[in-house]
N, C-alpha and C. Protein backbone atom coordinates (compact mmCIF):
# COMPACT_ATOMS: atom_id res chain seq x y z
N MET A 1 23.02 -16.19 -4.33
CA MET A 1 21.66 -16.30 -4.84
C MET A 1 20.91 -15.01 -4.54
N LYS A 2 20.24 -14.47 -5.53
CA LYS A 2 19.52 -13.22 -5.39
C LYS A 2 18.16 -13.47 -4.73
N PRO A 3 17.81 -12.68 -3.69
CA PRO A 3 16.49 -12.84 -3.05
C PRO A 3 15.37 -12.47 -4.01
N THR A 4 14.23 -13.09 -3.83
CA THR A 4 13.06 -12.77 -4.65
C THR A 4 12.50 -11.43 -4.21
N ASP A 5 11.62 -10.86 -5.04
CA ASP A 5 10.96 -9.60 -4.68
C ASP A 5 10.20 -9.74 -3.37
N ALA A 6 9.50 -10.87 -3.19
CA ALA A 6 8.73 -11.07 -1.96
C ALA A 6 9.65 -11.12 -0.74
N GLN A 7 10.81 -11.78 -0.87
CA GLN A 7 11.75 -11.84 0.24
C GLN A 7 12.30 -10.45 0.56
N MET A 8 12.61 -9.68 -0.50
CA MET A 8 13.11 -8.32 -0.28
C MET A 8 12.07 -7.45 0.40
N ALA A 9 10.82 -7.60 0.00
CA ALA A 9 9.75 -6.81 0.62
C ALA A 9 9.62 -7.17 2.09
N THR A 10 9.69 -8.46 2.42
CA THR A 10 9.59 -8.91 3.80
C THR A 10 10.75 -8.38 4.63
N LEU A 11 11.97 -8.48 4.10
CA LEU A 11 13.13 -7.96 4.81
C LEU A 11 13.02 -6.45 5.01
N HIS A 12 12.61 -5.75 3.98
CA HIS A 12 12.48 -4.30 4.05
C HIS A 12 11.44 -3.91 5.09
N LYS A 13 10.34 -4.63 5.12
CA LYS A 13 9.25 -4.33 6.05
C LYS A 13 9.73 -4.49 7.49
N LYS A 14 10.55 -5.50 7.77
CA LYS A 14 11.01 -5.74 9.13
C LYS A 14 12.05 -4.72 9.58
N GLU A 15 12.82 -4.18 8.64
CA GLU A 15 13.92 -3.33 9.00
C GLU A 15 13.62 -1.83 8.92
N ARG A 16 12.70 -1.43 8.08
CA ARG A 16 12.51 -0.01 7.82
C ARG A 16 11.07 0.43 8.03
N ARG A 17 10.94 1.68 8.35
CA ARG A 17 9.64 2.31 8.40
C ARG A 17 9.75 3.51 7.47
N GLU A 18 9.07 3.42 6.37
CA GLU A 18 9.20 4.44 5.34
C GLU A 18 8.48 5.72 5.72
N GLU A 19 9.01 6.83 5.24
CA GLU A 19 8.30 8.09 5.39
C GLU A 19 7.01 7.99 4.58
N ARG A 20 5.93 8.49 5.15
CA ARG A 20 4.64 8.49 4.46
C ARG A 20 4.34 9.91 3.99
N PHE A 21 3.64 9.98 2.86
CA PHE A 21 3.29 11.26 2.27
C PHE A 21 1.79 11.31 2.07
N ALA A 22 1.16 12.40 2.52
CA ALA A 22 -0.29 12.58 2.34
C ALA A 22 -0.53 13.00 0.90
N LEU A 23 -0.62 12.02 0.02
CA LEU A 23 -0.83 12.27 -1.41
C LEU A 23 -2.10 11.55 -1.86
N PRO A 24 -3.20 12.27 -1.97
CA PRO A 24 -4.41 11.63 -2.46
C PRO A 24 -4.41 11.55 -3.98
N PHE A 25 -4.41 10.34 -4.50
CA PHE A 25 -4.59 10.13 -5.93
C PHE A 25 -5.34 8.83 -6.14
N GLU A 26 -5.96 8.70 -7.29
CA GLU A 26 -6.83 7.56 -7.56
C GLU A 26 -6.01 6.32 -7.90
N ILE A 27 -6.37 5.22 -7.23
CA ILE A 27 -5.76 3.92 -7.51
C ILE A 27 -6.87 2.93 -7.84
N GLU A 28 -6.51 1.88 -8.54
CA GLU A 28 -7.42 0.78 -8.80
C GLU A 28 -6.93 -0.41 -8.00
N VAL A 29 -7.87 -1.05 -7.30
CA VAL A 29 -7.57 -2.19 -6.45
C VAL A 29 -8.40 -3.36 -6.95
N ALA A 30 -7.75 -4.50 -7.16
CA ALA A 30 -8.45 -5.69 -7.64
C ALA A 30 -8.04 -6.89 -6.80
N GLY A 31 -8.95 -7.83 -6.65
CA GLY A 31 -8.66 -9.03 -5.89
C GLY A 31 -9.88 -9.93 -5.81
N ILE A 32 -9.86 -10.81 -4.82
CA ILE A 32 -10.97 -11.73 -4.56
C ILE A 32 -11.50 -11.42 -3.17
N ASP A 33 -12.82 -11.18 -3.06
CA ASP A 33 -13.39 -10.84 -1.75
C ASP A 33 -13.62 -12.10 -0.90
N GLY A 34 -14.14 -11.91 0.30
CA GLY A 34 -14.38 -13.01 1.23
C GLY A 34 -15.39 -14.04 0.75
N GLU A 35 -16.20 -13.66 -0.23
CA GLU A 35 -17.19 -14.58 -0.81
C GLU A 35 -16.64 -15.31 -2.03
N GLY A 36 -15.37 -15.05 -2.35
CA GLY A 36 -14.77 -15.70 -3.51
C GLY A 36 -15.06 -15.01 -4.83
N GLU A 37 -15.62 -13.80 -4.76
CA GLU A 37 -15.95 -13.05 -5.97
C GLU A 37 -14.85 -12.05 -6.31
N ALA A 38 -14.53 -11.95 -7.58
CA ALA A 38 -13.53 -10.97 -8.02
C ALA A 38 -14.11 -9.56 -7.88
N PHE A 39 -13.26 -8.62 -7.51
CA PHE A 39 -13.68 -7.22 -7.43
C PHE A 39 -12.63 -6.33 -8.07
N HIS A 40 -13.07 -5.16 -8.48
CA HIS A 40 -12.20 -4.14 -9.05
C HIS A 40 -12.82 -2.80 -8.67
N ILE A 41 -12.10 -2.04 -7.85
CA ILE A 41 -12.63 -0.76 -7.38
C ILE A 41 -11.63 0.35 -7.64
N LYS A 42 -12.14 1.58 -7.71
CA LYS A 42 -11.30 2.77 -7.76
C LYS A 42 -11.50 3.51 -6.46
N VAL A 43 -10.41 3.82 -5.79
CA VAL A 43 -10.44 4.55 -4.52
C VAL A 43 -9.31 5.58 -4.53
N GLU A 44 -9.31 6.45 -3.54
CA GLU A 44 -8.26 7.45 -3.43
C GLU A 44 -7.35 7.11 -2.26
N THR A 45 -6.05 7.26 -2.46
CA THR A 45 -5.11 7.00 -1.37
C THR A 45 -5.27 8.07 -0.29
N LYS A 46 -5.02 7.67 0.96
CA LYS A 46 -4.93 8.62 2.06
C LYS A 46 -3.48 9.04 2.22
N ASN A 47 -2.59 8.07 2.06
CA ASN A 47 -1.15 8.33 2.12
C ASN A 47 -0.43 7.23 1.37
N VAL A 48 0.81 7.53 0.98
CA VAL A 48 1.64 6.55 0.28
C VAL A 48 3.06 6.64 0.81
N SER A 49 3.80 5.56 0.62
CA SER A 49 5.23 5.54 0.89
C SER A 49 5.87 4.73 -0.23
N LEU A 50 7.16 4.62 -0.18
CA LEU A 50 7.85 3.85 -1.21
C LEU A 50 7.34 2.41 -1.24
N TRP A 51 7.01 1.85 -0.07
CA TRP A 51 6.62 0.43 0.01
C TRP A 51 5.18 0.19 0.42
N GLY A 52 4.34 1.21 0.51
CA GLY A 52 2.97 0.94 0.93
C GLY A 52 2.02 2.08 0.66
N CYS A 53 0.77 1.85 1.06
CA CYS A 53 -0.23 2.90 0.92
C CYS A 53 -1.37 2.64 1.90
N GLY A 54 -2.12 3.69 2.16
CA GLY A 54 -3.32 3.61 2.98
C GLY A 54 -4.49 4.13 2.16
N PHE A 55 -5.64 3.47 2.28
CA PHE A 55 -6.84 3.89 1.56
C PHE A 55 -8.06 3.34 2.27
N VAL A 56 -9.24 3.85 1.93
CA VAL A 56 -10.49 3.34 2.48
C VAL A 56 -11.18 2.54 1.38
N SER A 57 -11.53 1.30 1.70
CA SER A 57 -12.18 0.41 0.73
C SER A 57 -13.66 0.22 1.10
N PRO A 58 -14.55 0.27 0.12
CA PRO A 58 -15.95 -0.03 0.40
C PRO A 58 -16.18 -1.54 0.55
N ILE A 59 -15.18 -2.32 0.16
CA ILE A 59 -15.25 -3.79 0.23
C ILE A 59 -14.41 -4.25 1.41
N GLU A 60 -14.92 -5.18 2.19
CA GLU A 60 -14.16 -5.70 3.32
C GLU A 60 -12.94 -6.47 2.83
N LEU A 61 -11.78 -6.03 3.28
CA LEU A 61 -10.55 -6.76 3.05
C LEU A 61 -10.03 -7.21 4.40
N ARG A 62 -9.28 -8.29 4.41
CA ARG A 62 -8.76 -8.83 5.67
C ARG A 62 -7.25 -8.80 5.68
N LYS A 63 -6.68 -8.76 6.88
CA LYS A 63 -5.24 -8.81 7.03
C LYS A 63 -4.71 -10.03 6.27
N ASP A 64 -3.63 -9.84 5.57
CA ASP A 64 -2.94 -10.86 4.77
C ASP A 64 -3.58 -11.14 3.42
N ASP A 65 -4.71 -10.48 3.09
CA ASP A 65 -5.25 -10.59 1.73
C ASP A 65 -4.21 -10.03 0.76
N ILE A 66 -4.18 -10.58 -0.44
CA ILE A 66 -3.30 -10.08 -1.49
C ILE A 66 -4.18 -9.39 -2.53
N VAL A 67 -3.80 -8.17 -2.89
CA VAL A 67 -4.55 -7.41 -3.89
C VAL A 67 -3.57 -6.86 -4.93
N ALA A 68 -4.09 -6.54 -6.08
CA ALA A 68 -3.30 -5.87 -7.12
C ALA A 68 -3.71 -4.40 -7.12
N ILE A 69 -2.72 -3.52 -7.05
CA ILE A 69 -2.98 -2.08 -7.01
C ILE A 69 -2.17 -1.42 -8.11
N HIS A 70 -2.80 -0.47 -8.77
CA HIS A 70 -2.04 0.40 -9.67
C HIS A 70 -2.69 1.76 -9.72
N VAL A 71 -1.86 2.74 -10.06
CA VAL A 71 -2.35 4.10 -10.19
C VAL A 71 -3.35 4.12 -11.33
N ALA A 72 -4.51 4.72 -11.10
CA ALA A 72 -5.54 4.80 -12.14
C ALA A 72 -4.96 5.51 -13.36
N ALA A 73 -5.36 5.03 -14.52
CA ALA A 73 -4.82 5.56 -15.77
C ALA A 73 -5.06 7.06 -15.87
N PRO A 74 -3.98 7.82 -16.05
CA PRO A 74 -4.15 9.26 -16.22
C PRO A 74 -4.76 9.55 -17.59
N GLU A 75 -5.28 10.74 -17.73
CA GLU A 75 -5.88 11.12 -19.01
C GLU A 75 -4.99 12.12 -19.71
N GLY A 76 -5.14 12.21 -21.01
CA GLY A 76 -4.40 13.19 -21.78
C GLY A 76 -3.38 12.53 -22.70
N PRO A 77 -2.87 13.31 -23.62
CA PRO A 77 -1.91 12.78 -24.57
C PRO A 77 -0.60 12.37 -23.89
N GLY A 78 -0.07 11.25 -24.29
CA GLY A 78 1.19 10.77 -23.74
C GLY A 78 1.06 10.10 -22.39
N ALA A 79 -0.15 9.98 -21.86
CA ALA A 79 -0.35 9.35 -20.55
C ALA A 79 -0.07 7.86 -20.67
N MET A 80 0.64 7.33 -19.67
CA MET A 80 0.96 5.91 -19.68
C MET A 80 0.32 5.24 -18.48
N GLU A 81 -0.27 4.09 -18.72
CA GLU A 81 -0.85 3.32 -17.62
C GLU A 81 0.24 2.47 -16.99
N ARG A 82 0.27 2.46 -15.66
CA ARG A 82 1.26 1.66 -14.93
C ARG A 82 0.70 0.27 -14.68
N PRO A 83 1.55 -0.74 -14.70
CA PRO A 83 1.08 -2.11 -14.46
C PRO A 83 0.71 -2.30 -12.98
N PRO A 84 -0.19 -3.24 -12.69
CA PRO A 84 -0.55 -3.51 -11.29
C PRO A 84 0.62 -4.15 -10.54
N ILE A 85 0.67 -3.88 -9.25
CA ILE A 85 1.69 -4.42 -8.35
C ILE A 85 0.97 -5.17 -7.23
N ARG A 86 1.52 -6.30 -6.81
CA ARG A 86 0.92 -7.06 -5.70
C ARG A 86 1.23 -6.38 -4.37
N PHE A 87 0.17 -6.25 -3.56
CA PHE A 87 0.28 -5.71 -2.21
C PHE A 87 -0.37 -6.69 -1.24
N GLN A 88 0.13 -6.72 -0.02
CA GLN A 88 -0.47 -7.52 1.05
C GLN A 88 -1.14 -6.56 2.02
N VAL A 89 -2.36 -6.88 2.41
CA VAL A 89 -3.07 -6.07 3.40
C VAL A 89 -2.43 -6.36 4.76
N VAL A 90 -1.90 -5.32 5.41
CA VAL A 90 -1.28 -5.47 6.72
C VAL A 90 -2.14 -4.89 7.84
N ARG A 91 -3.14 -4.11 7.45
CA ARG A 91 -4.07 -3.55 8.44
C ARG A 91 -5.42 -3.37 7.77
N ALA A 92 -6.46 -3.80 8.45
CA ALA A 92 -7.83 -3.62 7.96
C ALA A 92 -8.72 -3.36 9.17
N GLU A 93 -9.26 -2.16 9.25
CA GLU A 93 -10.11 -1.78 10.37
C GLU A 93 -11.39 -1.16 9.86
N ARG A 94 -12.50 -1.47 10.51
CA ARG A 94 -13.79 -0.88 10.15
C ARG A 94 -13.72 0.62 10.36
N ASP A 95 -14.30 1.33 9.46
CA ASP A 95 -14.26 2.80 9.45
C ASP A 95 -15.65 3.25 9.05
N GLU A 96 -16.03 4.48 9.39
CA GLU A 96 -17.39 4.94 9.06
C GLU A 96 -17.64 4.98 7.55
N ARG A 97 -16.59 5.02 6.75
CA ARG A 97 -16.74 5.07 5.29
C ARG A 97 -16.49 3.72 4.62
N GLY A 98 -16.15 2.70 5.39
CA GLY A 98 -15.85 1.38 4.82
C GLY A 98 -14.79 0.69 5.65
N TRP A 99 -13.69 0.31 5.01
CA TRP A 99 -12.59 -0.38 5.68
C TRP A 99 -11.31 0.42 5.46
N ALA A 100 -10.68 0.84 6.57
CA ALA A 100 -9.40 1.54 6.48
C ALA A 100 -8.33 0.47 6.26
N ILE A 101 -7.64 0.57 5.14
CA ILE A 101 -6.69 -0.45 4.72
C ILE A 101 -5.28 0.12 4.70
N GLY A 102 -4.34 -0.64 5.20
CA GLY A 102 -2.92 -0.39 5.05
C GLY A 102 -2.36 -1.54 4.23
N ALA A 103 -1.70 -1.26 3.14
CA ALA A 103 -1.20 -2.31 2.25
C ALA A 103 0.30 -2.14 2.03
N TRP A 104 1.00 -3.25 1.97
CA TRP A 104 2.44 -3.30 1.85
C TRP A 104 2.82 -3.93 0.52
N LYS A 105 3.66 -3.27 -0.25
CA LYS A 105 4.08 -3.72 -1.58
C LYS A 105 4.93 -4.99 -1.46
N MET A 106 4.61 -5.98 -2.29
CA MET A 106 5.32 -7.26 -2.25
C MET A 106 6.36 -7.39 -3.36
N GLU A 107 6.48 -6.40 -4.21
CA GLU A 107 7.42 -6.43 -5.33
C GLU A 107 8.29 -5.19 -5.26
N SER A 108 9.47 -5.28 -5.84
CA SER A 108 10.38 -4.13 -5.78
C SER A 108 10.09 -3.08 -6.84
N ASP A 109 9.18 -3.37 -7.76
CA ASP A 109 8.84 -2.41 -8.82
C ASP A 109 8.28 -1.12 -8.23
N ASP A 110 8.49 -0.02 -8.94
CA ASP A 110 7.96 1.28 -8.54
C ASP A 110 6.45 1.29 -8.77
N ALA A 111 5.69 1.46 -7.71
CA ALA A 111 4.23 1.42 -7.82
C ALA A 111 3.63 2.75 -8.24
N TRP A 112 4.30 3.87 -7.91
CA TRP A 112 3.65 5.17 -8.06
C TRP A 112 4.13 5.97 -9.26
N GLY A 113 5.36 5.78 -9.70
CA GLY A 113 5.86 6.51 -10.86
C GLY A 113 6.19 7.96 -10.59
N ILE A 114 6.37 8.31 -9.31
CA ILE A 114 6.71 9.68 -8.93
C ILE A 114 7.74 9.65 -7.81
N GLU A 115 8.51 10.71 -7.68
CA GLU A 115 9.43 10.83 -6.55
C GLU A 115 8.68 11.52 -5.43
N LEU A 116 8.27 10.73 -4.44
CA LEU A 116 7.39 11.23 -3.39
C LEU A 116 7.94 12.46 -2.68
N GLY A 117 9.20 12.46 -2.33
CA GLY A 117 9.80 13.56 -1.58
C GLY A 117 9.88 14.86 -2.37
N LYS A 118 9.75 14.80 -3.68
CA LYS A 118 9.83 16.01 -4.49
C LYS A 118 8.50 16.73 -4.62
N ILE A 119 7.39 16.03 -4.32
CA ILE A 119 6.10 16.67 -4.50
C ILE A 119 5.29 16.82 -3.21
N ALA A 120 5.80 16.28 -2.10
CA ALA A 120 5.06 16.39 -0.83
C ALA A 120 6.02 16.31 0.34
N GLN A 121 5.58 16.83 1.47
CA GLN A 121 6.34 16.75 2.71
C GLN A 121 5.99 15.44 3.42
N PRO A 122 6.96 14.82 4.09
CA PRO A 122 6.65 13.59 4.82
C PRO A 122 5.59 13.84 5.89
N GLN A 123 4.73 12.84 6.06
CA GLN A 123 3.65 12.90 7.04
C GLN A 123 4.08 12.22 8.34
N GLY A 124 4.97 11.27 8.25
CA GLY A 124 5.43 10.53 9.42
C GLY A 124 6.27 9.37 8.98
N GLY A 125 6.86 8.69 9.97
CA GLY A 125 7.73 7.56 9.68
C GLY A 125 9.15 8.04 9.48
N ASP A 126 10.07 7.11 9.57
CA ASP A 126 11.47 7.41 9.29
C ASP A 126 12.15 6.11 8.91
N SER A 127 13.43 6.15 8.73
CA SER A 127 14.13 4.95 8.30
C SER A 127 14.92 4.34 9.45
N THR A 128 14.35 4.37 10.65
CA THR A 128 15.00 3.75 11.79
C THR A 128 14.55 2.30 11.91
N GLN A 129 15.27 1.56 12.73
CA GLN A 129 14.96 0.14 12.93
C GLN A 129 13.57 0.00 13.57
N ARG A 130 12.82 -0.96 13.11
CA ARG A 130 11.50 -1.22 13.70
C ARG A 130 11.69 -1.75 15.11
N LYS A 131 10.77 -1.40 15.97
CA LYS A 131 10.79 -1.90 17.33
C LYS A 131 10.10 -3.25 17.38
N GLY A 132 10.69 -4.19 18.11
CA GLY A 132 10.08 -5.51 18.25
C GLY A 132 8.87 -5.44 19.15
N GLY A 133 8.04 -6.42 19.08
CA GLY A 133 6.85 -6.47 19.91
C GLY A 133 6.24 -7.84 19.80
N ALA A 134 4.99 -7.96 20.19
CA ALA A 134 4.32 -9.25 20.12
C ALA A 134 4.35 -9.80 18.71
N ASP A 135 4.16 -8.94 17.75
CA ASP A 135 4.21 -9.36 16.34
C ASP A 135 4.85 -8.23 15.58
N GLU A 136 6.14 -8.41 15.22
CA GLU A 136 6.84 -7.29 14.60
C GLU A 136 6.32 -6.98 13.21
N ASN A 137 5.41 -7.82 12.67
CA ASN A 137 4.81 -7.51 11.38
C ASN A 137 3.61 -6.60 11.53
N GLU A 138 3.11 -6.44 12.75
CA GLU A 138 1.98 -5.56 12.99
C GLU A 138 2.45 -4.12 12.96
N MET A 139 1.61 -3.25 12.54
CA MET A 139 1.96 -1.83 12.52
C MET A 139 1.21 -1.13 13.64
N ASP A 140 1.78 -0.02 14.07
CA ASP A 140 1.12 0.76 15.12
C ASP A 140 -0.28 1.11 14.66
N GLU A 141 -1.23 1.11 15.58
CA GLU A 141 -2.61 1.41 15.23
C GLU A 141 -2.78 2.81 14.69
N SER A 142 -1.87 3.71 15.03
CA SER A 142 -2.00 5.08 14.56
C SER A 142 -1.54 5.27 13.12
N GLU A 143 -1.00 4.22 12.51
CA GLU A 143 -0.48 4.34 11.15
C GLU A 143 -1.52 3.95 10.13
N ASP A 144 -1.40 4.51 8.95
CA ASP A 144 -2.33 4.21 7.87
C ASP A 144 -1.78 3.21 6.89
N GLU A 145 -0.56 2.76 6.98
CA GLU A 145 -0.05 1.73 6.09
C GLU A 145 0.78 0.75 6.81
């Protein structure tokens, strides 16, 4: 039996720590806020990896919230809009500019449409086994995703 995308994302998250790349580009984030109201915002990534991203949100998001993220539609002839991908918020901390968010991709689809290692140098992370702790789903506070 083939695992679902969500199961693969969970397994991947527990086993790997992806290299992160400091690539600022515009993304669109949509979801339901704490008041039950739908929102749709455009923000810039702080960093991205194959399975996640970090960004600052002007809207309060909470750990375990599910949001839809996609790269903002590029402009120009032949530009293609990418479909939204479901992400789970794994870190949400108050920041002077809003909420520092770390989000983890819940689907195996390519969220970014680029080969990260070809256009930027890794910022941190590697593909070693995650270290266990009180909650192995928690990420180090120094990480952005």
